[in-house]
C-alpha cells in the first residue's frame, strides 16, 4: 500500500541519519565470555543429568545460569509460554545493551509490551529515547503484538528530548491521531 512505501522511505531516511552504534562488539554476535572447555562440558553433563531425570524446569534454569541460551530457549519452548517469555526476557537483558534496538526487539518478543520503555531504576528517561529512530525502525521491521502502543508511547517519551518531529514520526507510523499542543 501507499502507507507501506511511505514508511519504507522514512525508515531509509532514518537509517541514513542515524549514527552507527558506538563501542565494540556486544550483544549476541560478541564473543562468548571466556569459559573453559571443562566448564562447558560440566555444564552440558549437568544439563543432561537434569533432563534424564525429567526435570525440565531445573534444566532450563541451569542452562540460563550457565549461559547456554540456545538450550534454555529450546527447553522453554517445550515447557510453556510463561517459561519461554522468562527465558527470552533474561536473554535480552543478558546479551543486549539497554536501549539497543536488539534489546527492544527481544524484550517485545518476550511480551514486555510498553514495559520496554520503562526507565531503569534511578533514571528519568527511557533507554530507547537516545536511539529512538533505530528502535522505531526495528519495531516497524519486526511487528509484534503490542508494537503500536509501544511506538505511540515512544513518541510520548521522545517528545521532550528529541522534539515534536521525532514524536510525530512515531505517532504517524503507529497510525495514531496526533496530540493537540
Protein backbone atom coordinates (compact mmCIF):
# COMPACT_ATOMS: atom_id res chain seq x y z
CA UNK A 1 0.00 0.00 0.00
CA UNK A 2 0.99 3.66 -0.22
CA UNK A 3 1.48 3.77 3.55
CA UNK A 4 3.98 0.92 3.39
CA UNK A 5 6.00 2.71 0.71
CA UNK A 6 5.99 5.92 2.74
CA UNK A 7 7.06 4.02 5.87
CA UNK A 8 9.89 2.34 3.93
CA UNK A 9 11.07 5.69 2.62
CA UNK A 10 11.00 7.20 6.11
CA UNK A 11 12.88 4.22 7.55
CA UNK A 12 15.57 4.59 4.90
CA UNK A 13 15.94 8.28 5.74
CA UNK A 14 16.09 7.50 9.45
CA UNK A 15 18.72 4.81 8.88
CA UNK A 16 20.88 7.22 6.89
CA UNK A 17 20.56 9.92 9.57
CA UNK A 18 21.29 7.59 12.50
CA UNK A 19 24.90 7.37 13.65
CA UNK A 20 26.45 3.90 13.71
CA UNK A 21 26.38 2.20 17.12
CA UNK A 22 29.26 3.20 19.35
CA UNK A 23 31.61 0.80 21.03
CA UNK A 24 32.95 -2.57 20.12
CA UNK A 25 31.25 -5.88 19.77
CA UNK A 26 28.37 -6.51 22.09
CA UNK A 27 25.19 -8.50 22.03
CA UNK A 28 24.69 -11.96 20.58
CA UNK A 29 27.43 -11.57 17.96
CA UNK A 30 30.10 -10.73 20.50
CA UNK A 31 32.47 -13.47 21.52
CA UNK A 32 31.03 -15.50 24.40
CA UNK A 33 32.53 -14.98 27.83
CA UNK A 34 35.68 -16.97 28.36
CA UNK A 35 34.62 -20.38 29.53
CA UNK A 36 36.93 -23.33 29.67
CA UNK A 37 36.18 -26.44 27.71
CA UNK A 38 35.95 -28.31 31.02
CA UNK A 39 33.35 -25.83 32.35
CA UNK A 40 31.28 -26.14 29.17
CA UNK A 41 31.47 -29.92 29.33
CA UNK A 42 30.49 -29.89 33.01
CA UNK A 43 27.51 -27.63 32.33
CA UNK A 44 26.39 -29.88 29.48
CA UNK A 45 26.70 -33.01 31.69
CA UNK A 46 24.62 -31.37 34.43
CA UNK A 47 22.02 -30.27 31.87
CA UNK A 48 21.86 -33.80 30.51
CA UNK A 49 21.51 -35.29 34.01
CA UNK A 50 18.62 -32.95 34.84
CA UNK A 51 16.86 -33.83 31.60
CA UNK A 52 17.43 -37.56 32.13
CA UNK A 53 15.66 -37.13 35.48
CA UNK A 54 12.76 -35.37 33.73
CA UNK A 55 13.46 -32.03 35.46
CA UNK A 56 12.96 -29.69 32.52
CA UNK A 57 12.35 -26.52 34.52
CA UNK A 58 15.52 -27.02 36.56
CA UNK A 59 17.42 -27.88 33.39
CA UNK A 60 16.17 -24.67 31.80
CA UNK A 61 17.23 -22.62 34.85
CA UNK A 62 20.63 -24.36 34.80
CA UNK A 63 21.06 -23.60 31.09
CA UNK A 64 20.29 -19.90 31.69
CA UNK A 65 22.66 -19.77 34.64
CA UNK A 66 25.46 -21.24 32.54
CA UNK A 67 24.78 -19.02 29.54
CA UNK A 68 23.56 -21.92 27.42
CA UNK A 69 20.94 -19.73 25.76
CA UNK A 70 20.16 -21.99 22.81
CA UNK A 71 19.45 -24.85 25.20
CA UNK A 72 17.40 -22.63 27.50
CA UNK A 73 15.28 -21.27 24.65
CA UNK A 74 14.72 -24.72 23.17
CA UNK A 75 13.78 -26.23 26.53
CA UNK A 76 11.49 -23.35 27.45
CA UNK A 77 9.62 -23.73 24.18
CA UNK A 78 8.72 -27.26 25.35
CA UNK A 79 7.70 -26.22 28.86
CA UNK A 80 5.17 -23.39 28.48
CA UNK A 81 4.72 -19.87 27.15
CA UNK A 82 5.46 -18.26 30.51
CA UNK A 83 8.82 -20.03 30.78
CA UNK A 84 9.71 -19.08 27.22
CA UNK A 85 8.92 -15.42 27.97
CA UNK A 86 11.04 -15.60 31.13
CA UNK A 87 13.99 -17.05 29.21
CA UNK A 88 13.59 -14.53 26.40
CA UNK A 89 13.48 -11.61 28.85
CA UNK A 90 16.60 -12.83 30.68
CA UNK A 91 18.34 -13.44 27.37
CA UNK A 92 17.52 -9.90 26.22
CA UNK A 93 18.85 -8.45 29.47
CA UNK A 94 21.98 -10.60 29.38
CA UNK A 95 23.14 -10.19 25.79
CA UNK A 96 21.97 -6.72 24.82
CA UNK A 97 22.67 -3.18 25.91
CA UNK A 98 19.57 -1.49 27.36
CA UNK A 99 18.01 0.77 24.76
CA UNK A 100 19.57 -1.01 21.80
CA UNK A 101 17.18 -1.97 19.02
CA UNK A 102 18.07 -5.64 19.53
CA UNK A 103 17.26 -5.45 23.25
CA UNK A 104 13.99 -3.72 22.37
CA UNK A 105 13.02 -6.40 19.88
CA UNK A 106 13.93 -9.27 22.20
CA UNK A 107 12.02 -7.63 25.05
CA UNK A 108 8.97 -7.23 22.83
CA UNK A 109 9.30 -10.89 21.78
CA UNK A 110 9.29 -11.72 25.50
CA UNK A 111 5.97 -9.91 25.86
CA UNK A 112 7.14 -6.84 27.75
CA UNK A 113 4.92 -4.56 25.65
CA UNK A 114 5.03 -0.94 26.82
CA UNK A 115 7.21 -2.05 29.75
CA UNK A 116 10.14 -1.97 27.33
CA UNK A 117 10.01 1.84 27.65
CA UNK A 118 10.37 1.89 31.43
CA UNK A 119 13.48 3.77 32.54
CA UNK A 120 15.95 1.78 34.64
CA UNK A 121 15.73 2.44 38.36
CA UNK A 122 17.14 5.86 39.17
CA UNK A 123 16.79 7.11 35.57
CA UNK A 124 14.17 9.55 34.32
CA UNK A 125 14.22 8.76 30.60
CA UNK A 126 13.52 5.57 28.68
CA UNK A 127 16.69 3.92 27.40
CA UNK A 128 15.05 3.83 23.95
CA UNK A 129 14.93 7.61 23.68
CA UNK A 130 18.61 8.09 22.81
CA UNK A 131 18.31 5.74 19.83
CA UNK A 132 14.64 6.32 19.12
CA UNK A 133 14.92 6.22 15.31
CA UNK A 134 16.74 2.88 15.31
CA UNK A 135 14.31 1.43 17.85
CA UNK A 136 11.38 2.68 15.79
CA UNK A 137 12.86 1.11 12.64
CA UNK A 138 13.38 -2.20 14.47
CA UNK A 139 9.77 -2.26 15.67
CA UNK A 140 8.42 -1.40 12.22
CA UNK A 141 10.58 -4.02 10.51
CA UNK A 142 9.62 -6.73 13.05
CA UNK A 143 5.98 -6.27 14.09
CA UNK A 144 4.84 -7.72 17.43
CA UNK A 145 1.54 -7.82 19.28
CA UNK A 146 1.81 -4.57 21.28
CA UNK A 147 4.07 -2.58 18.99
CA UNK A 148 1.52 0.09 18.02
CA UNK A 149 1.04 1.02 21.68
CA UNK A 150 4.80 0.90 22.27
CA UNK A 151 5.50 3.11 19.24
CA UNK A 152 2.90 5.61 20.43
CA UNK A 153 4.45 5.69 23.90
CA UNK A 154 7.91 6.02 22.35
CA UNK A 155 6.56 9.16 20.66
CA UNK A 156 5.41 10.44 24.05
CA UNK A 157 8.83 9.63 25.51
CA UNK A 158 10.92 11.33 22.82
CA UNK A 159 8.80 14.48 22.57
CA UNK A 160 10.74 16.25 25.35
CA UNK A 161 14.23 15.03 24.41
CA UNK A 162 14.12 14.90 20.61
CA UNK A 163 11.28 17.28 19.75
CA UNK A 164 7.89 17.26 18.14
CA UNK A 165 9.15 15.97 14.77
CA UNK A 166 10.54 12.81 16.37
CA UNK A 167 7.33 12.31 18.33
CA UNK A 168 5.17 12.88 15.26
CA UNK A 169 7.20 10.31 13.27
CA UNK A 170 6.30 7.78 15.94
CA UNK A 171 2.65 8.82 16.05
CA UNK A 172 2.25 8.74 12.27
CA UNK A 173 3.91 5.35 11.89
CA UNK A 174 1.82 3.95 14.73
CA UNK A 175 -1.21 5.37 12.88
CA UNK A 176 -2.43 7.20 15.98
CA UNK A 177 -4.03 10.64 15.97
CA UNK A 178 -1.58 13.45 16.64
CA UNK A 179 -1.94 15.02 20.08
CA UNK A 180 -3.03 18.61 20.20
CA UNK A 181 -0.48 21.06 21.64
